[in-house]
């Protein structure tokens, strides 16, 4: 028995298609684990007393943590499962802080499709937004993925 991919192939994406992930809450445990994994113990993320002196007034999550969470949230949509060949590029713009306890989700929109010289694949470019519980974008960007053809 072979596994059939649930994800969409290059042909199944259309310019303008949108996909939204389920949400998740960013916890202190997430930030502590990411600090340990990345080695980024910047006091903005790990020292509440220091963070109180910043414009944010409290600790905030690492931007790269939230960007990494977005890649996981993209997989929750199911559209990439088994059909992604490569994540070729990510453009990330941090728009607002993500505080401990914020609940975020990912929004994807197909911007462009490009043929390749190989018949078994194509490139899809997505506009991406990670939004908090207020609908405010905390990250905006663009992802370029190489996708299998059907």
C-alpha atoms as a PDB file:
ATOM      1  CA  UNK A   1       0.000   0.000   0.000  1.00  0.00           C
ATOM      2  CA  UNK A   2       1.378   3.410  -0.927  1.00  0.00           C
ATOM      3  CA  UNK A   3       0.582   6.682   0.743  1.00  0.00           C
ATOM      4  CA  UNK A   4      -1.363   9.183  -1.324  1.00  0.00           C
ATOM      5  CA  UNK A   5      -0.356  12.790  -0.729  1.00  0.00           C
ATOM      6  CA  UNK A   6      -3.074  15.056   0.664  1.00  0.00           C
ATOM      7  CA  UNK A   7      -1.303  18.194  -0.496  1.00  0.00           C
ATOM      8  CA  UNK A   8      -2.117  20.166  -3.605  1.00  0.00           C
ATOM      9  CA  UNK A   9      -0.001  19.894  -6.724  1.00  0.00           C
ATOM     10  CA  UNK A  10       1.288  22.807  -8.799  1.00  0.00           C
ATOM     11  CA  UNK A  11      -1.706  22.607 -11.147  1.00  0.00           C
ATOM     12  CA  UNK A  12      -4.213  22.747  -8.294  1.00  0.00           C
ATOM     13  CA  UNK A  13      -3.069  26.148  -7.038  1.00  0.00           C
ATOM     14  CA  UNK A  14      -4.683  29.191  -8.656  1.00  0.00           C
ATOM     15  CA  UNK A  15      -3.595  32.799  -8.350  1.00  0.00           C
ATOM     16  CA  UNK A  16      -5.774  34.368  -5.669  1.00  0.00           C
ATOM     17  CA  UNK A  17      -6.420  31.139  -3.735  1.00  0.00           C
ATOM     18  CA  UNK A  18      -6.318  31.697   0.030  1.00  0.00           C
ATOM     19  CA  UNK A  19      -5.693  29.309   2.898  1.00  0.00           C
ATOM     20  CA  UNK A  20      -5.947  29.966   6.646  1.00  0.00           C
ATOM     21  CA  UNK A  21      -4.460  27.796   9.364  1.00  0.00           C
ATOM     22  CA  UNK A  22      -5.888  27.030  12.747  1.00  0.00           C
ATOM     23  CA  UNK A  23      -4.579  29.202  15.579  1.00  0.00           C
ATOM     24  CA  UNK A  24      -2.183  28.556  18.412  1.00  0.00           C
ATOM     25  CA  UNK A  25      -1.230  30.497  21.513  1.00  0.00           C
ATOM     26  CA  UNK A  26       2.412  31.482  21.996  1.00  0.00           C
ATOM     27  CA  UNK A  27       3.493  30.426  25.480  1.00  0.00           C
ATOM     28  CA  UNK A  28       6.388  31.149  27.778  1.00  0.00           C
ATOM     29  CA  UNK A  29       7.403  27.495  27.344  1.00  0.00           C
ATOM     30  CA  UNK A  30       7.641  28.048  23.561  1.00  0.00           C
ATOM     31  CA  UNK A  31       9.950  31.028  24.071  1.00  0.00           C
ATOM     32  CA  UNK A  32      12.135  29.260  26.656  1.00  0.00           C
ATOM     33  CA  UNK A  33      12.484  26.193  24.414  1.00  0.00           C
ATOM     34  CA  UNK A  34      13.353  28.358  21.389  1.00  0.00           C
ATOM     35  CA  UNK A  35      15.921  30.346  23.390  1.00  0.00           C
ATOM     36  CA  UNK A  36      17.588  27.086  24.387  1.00  0.00           C
ATOM     37  CA  UNK A  37      17.474  25.674  20.872  1.00  0.00           C
ATOM     38  CA  UNK A  38      18.700  28.830  19.134  1.00  0.00           C
ATOM     39  CA  UNK A  39      21.021  30.121  21.859  1.00  0.00           C
ATOM     40  CA  UNK A  40      19.243  33.498  21.667  1.00  0.00           C
ATOM     41  CA  UNK A  41      18.847  34.515  25.299  1.00  0.00           C
ATOM     42  CA  UNK A  42      18.352  38.206  24.518  1.00  0.00           C
ATOM     43  CA  UNK A  43      16.811  39.733  27.664  1.00  0.00           C
ATOM     44  CA  UNK A  44      13.993  41.140  25.531  1.00  0.00           C
ATOM     45  CA  UNK A  45      12.728  37.552  25.415  1.00  0.00           C
ATOM     46  CA  UNK A  46      13.968  36.123  28.704  1.00  0.00           C
ATOM     47  CA  UNK A  47      14.161  38.860  31.368  1.00  0.00           C
ATOM     48  CA  UNK A  48      10.847  40.389  32.419  1.00  0.00           C
ATOM     49  CA  UNK A  49      12.457  43.166  34.487  1.00  0.00           C
ATOM     50  CA  UNK A  50      14.607  44.246  31.553  1.00  0.00           C
ATOM     51  CA  UNK A  51      11.665  43.915  29.146  1.00  0.00           C
ATOM     52  CA  UNK A  52       9.584  46.278  31.308  1.00  0.00           C
ATOM     53  CA  UNK A  53      12.067  49.018  30.365  1.00  0.00           C
ATOM     54  CA  UNK A  54      11.526  48.535  26.616  1.00  0.00           C
ATOM     55  CA  UNK A  55       8.822  50.103  24.446  1.00  0.00           C
ATOM     56  CA  UNK A  56       6.933  46.772  24.611  1.00  0.00           C
ATOM     57  CA  UNK A  57       6.701  46.846  28.425  1.00  0.00           C
ATOM     58  CA  UNK A  58       6.999  43.066  28.675  1.00  0.00           C
ATOM     59  CA  UNK A  59       8.848  40.118  27.168  1.00  0.00           C
ATOM     60  CA  UNK A  60       8.091  39.286  23.558  1.00  0.00           C
ATOM     61  CA  UNK A  61       8.547  36.128  21.521  1.00  0.00           C
ATOM     62  CA  UNK A  62      11.480  35.816  19.158  1.00  0.00           C
ATOM     63  CA  UNK A  63      10.466  36.874  15.662  1.00  0.00           C
ATOM     64  CA  UNK A  64      12.155  33.785  14.250  1.00  0.00           C
ATOM     65  CA  UNK A  65      10.150  31.614  16.647  1.00  0.00           C
ATOM     66  CA  UNK A  66       6.910  33.009  15.250  1.00  0.00           C
ATOM     67  CA  UNK A  67       8.232  32.603  11.686  1.00  0.00           C
ATOM     68  CA  UNK A  68       9.099  28.975  12.465  1.00  0.00           C
ATOM     69  CA  UNK A  69       5.637  28.454  13.934  1.00  0.00           C
ATOM     70  CA  UNK A  70       4.215  29.760  10.648  1.00  0.00           C
ATOM     71  CA  UNK A  71       5.919  26.964   8.718  1.00  0.00           C
ATOM     72  CA  UNK A  72       4.251  24.468  11.043  1.00  0.00           C
ATOM     73  CA  UNK A  73       0.909  26.214  10.725  1.00  0.00           C
ATOM     74  CA  UNK A  74       1.219  26.027   6.933  1.00  0.00           C
ATOM     75  CA  UNK A  75       1.381  22.265   7.226  1.00  0.00           C
ATOM     76  CA  UNK A  76      -1.765  22.245   9.350  1.00  0.00           C
ATOM     77  CA  UNK A  77      -3.663  23.495   6.285  1.00  0.00           C
ATOM     78  CA  UNK A  78      -2.856  20.207   4.525  1.00  0.00           C
ATOM     79  CA  UNK A  79      -2.111  21.869   1.179  1.00  0.00           C
ATOM     80  CA  UNK A  80       1.635  21.112   1.335  1.00  0.00           C
ATOM     81  CA  UNK A  81       1.506  17.572   2.714  1.00  0.00           C
ATOM     82  CA  UNK A  82       3.600  15.338   0.470  1.00  0.00           C
ATOM     83  CA  UNK A  83       3.640  17.718  -2.507  1.00  0.00           C
ATOM     84  CA  UNK A  84       6.284  20.253  -1.481  1.00  0.00           C
ATOM     85  CA  UNK A  85       9.679  19.607  -3.043  1.00  0.00           C
ATOM     86  CA  UNK A  86      11.511  22.628  -1.611  1.00  0.00           C
ATOM     87  CA  UNK A  87      11.052  25.866   0.276  1.00  0.00           C
ATOM     88  CA  UNK A  88      13.184  28.049  -1.965  1.00  0.00           C
ATOM     89  CA  UNK A  89      12.872  31.467  -0.330  1.00  0.00           C
ATOM     90  CA  UNK A  90      11.217  33.238   2.562  1.00  0.00           C
ATOM     91  CA  UNK A  91      10.929  37.003   2.838  1.00  0.00           C
ATOM     92  CA  UNK A  92      10.038  37.976   6.392  1.00  0.00           C
ATOM     93  CA  UNK A  93       8.959  41.422   7.576  1.00  0.00           C
ATOM     94  CA  UNK A  94       8.263  41.840  11.278  1.00  0.00           C
ATOM     95  CA  UNK A  95       5.323  44.196  11.687  1.00  0.00           C
ATOM     96  CA  UNK A  96       4.449  43.991  15.400  1.00  0.00           C
ATOM     97  CA  UNK A  97       5.595  42.147  18.514  1.00  0.00           C
ATOM     98  CA  UNK A  98       4.120  38.834  19.564  1.00  0.00           C
ATOM     99  CA  UNK A  99       3.643  38.782  23.314  1.00  0.00           C
ATOM    100  CA  UNK A 100       3.366  35.743  25.544  1.00  0.00           C
ATOM    101  CA  UNK A 101      -0.269  34.654  25.443  1.00  0.00           C
ATOM    102  CA  UNK A 102      -0.970  36.026  21.957  1.00  0.00           C
ATOM    103  CA  UNK A 103      -2.845  33.627  19.681  1.00  0.00           C
ATOM    104  CA  UNK A 104      -1.619  33.592  16.090  1.00  0.00           C
ATOM    105  CA  UNK A 105      -2.637  32.027  12.791  1.00  0.00           C
ATOM    106  CA  UNK A 106      -1.226  31.968   9.263  1.00  0.00           C
ATOM    107  CA  UNK A 107      -2.888  33.340   6.141  1.00  0.00           C
ATOM    108  CA  UNK A 108      -1.547  32.288   2.731  1.00  0.00           C
ATOM    109  CA  UNK A 109      -2.517  33.704  -0.660  1.00  0.00           C
ATOM    110  CA  UNK A 110      -1.237  32.488  -4.044  1.00  0.00           C
ATOM    111  CA  UNK A 111       0.445  35.437  -5.768  1.00  0.00           C
ATOM    112  CA  UNK A 112       2.096  33.799  -8.747  1.00  0.00           C
ATOM    113  CA  UNK A 113       2.852  30.487 -10.451  1.00  0.00           C
ATOM    114  CA  UNK A 114       5.937  29.821 -12.561  1.00  0.00           C
ATOM    115  CA  UNK A 115       6.707  26.990 -14.911  1.00  0.00           C
ATOM    116  CA  UNK A 116      10.113  25.335 -14.621  1.00  0.00           C
ATOM    117  CA  UNK A 117      12.278  23.544 -17.165  1.00  0.00           C
ATOM    118  CA  UNK A 118      11.426  20.220 -15.492  1.00  0.00           C
ATOM    119  CA  UNK A 119       8.045  18.653 -16.281  1.00  0.00           C
ATOM    120  CA  UNK A 120       7.495  17.200 -12.787  1.00  0.00           C
ATOM    121  CA  UNK A 121       7.499  20.483 -10.846  1.00  0.00           C
ATOM    122  CA  UNK A 122       6.506  24.142 -10.730  1.00  0.00           C
ATOM    123  CA  UNK A 123       7.077  27.159  -8.497  1.00  0.00           C
ATOM    124  CA  UNK A 124       4.306  28.787  -6.470  1.00  0.00           C
ATOM    125  CA  UNK A 125       4.770  32.146  -4.714  1.00  0.00           C
ATOM    126  CA  UNK A 126       2.599  32.927  -1.697  1.00  0.00           C
ATOM    127  CA  UNK A 127       1.888  36.129   0.191  1.00  0.00           C
ATOM    128  CA  UNK A 128       2.023  35.260   3.893  1.00  0.00           C
ATOM    129  CA  UNK A 129       0.671  36.909   7.015  1.00  0.00           C
ATOM    130  CA  UNK A 130       0.869  35.782  10.599  1.00  0.00           C
ATOM    131  CA  UNK A 131      -1.943  37.545  12.438  1.00  0.00           C
ATOM    132  CA  UNK A 132      -2.676  37.786  16.146  1.00  0.00           C
ATOM    133  CA  UNK A 133      -5.998  37.424  17.941  1.00  0.00           C
ATOM    134  CA  UNK A 134      -6.916  41.002  16.967  1.00  0.00           C
ATOM    135  CA  UNK A 135      -6.376  40.269  13.267  1.00  0.00           C
ATOM    136  CA  UNK A 136      -3.243  42.434  13.250  1.00  0.00           C
ATOM    137  CA  UNK A 137      -0.328  41.188  11.147  1.00  0.00           C
ATOM    138  CA  UNK A 138       2.752  40.497  13.264  1.00  0.00           C
ATOM    139  CA  UNK A 139       4.669  39.092  10.278  1.00  0.00           C
ATOM    140  CA  UNK A 140       4.160  39.681   6.571  1.00  0.00           C
ATOM    141  CA  UNK A 141       6.150  38.072   3.844  1.00  0.00           C
ATOM    142  CA  UNK A 142       6.469  35.998   0.745  1.00  0.00           C
ATOM    143  CA  UNK A 143       7.299  32.312   0.389  1.00  0.00           C
ATOM    144  CA  UNK A 144       8.526  30.666  -2.783  1.00  0.00           C
ATOM    145  CA  UNK A 145       7.957  26.903  -2.948  1.00  0.00           C
ATOM    146  CA  UNK A 146       8.738  24.260  -5.520  1.00  0.00           C
ATOM    147  CA  UNK A 147       5.731  21.957  -5.802  1.00  0.00           C
ATOM    148  CA  UNK A 148       5.160  18.586  -7.440  1.00  0.00           C
ATOM    149  CA  UNK A 149       3.029  18.433 -10.551  1.00  0.00           C
ATOM    150  CA  UNK A 150       0.092  16.030 -10.673  1.00  0.00           C
END
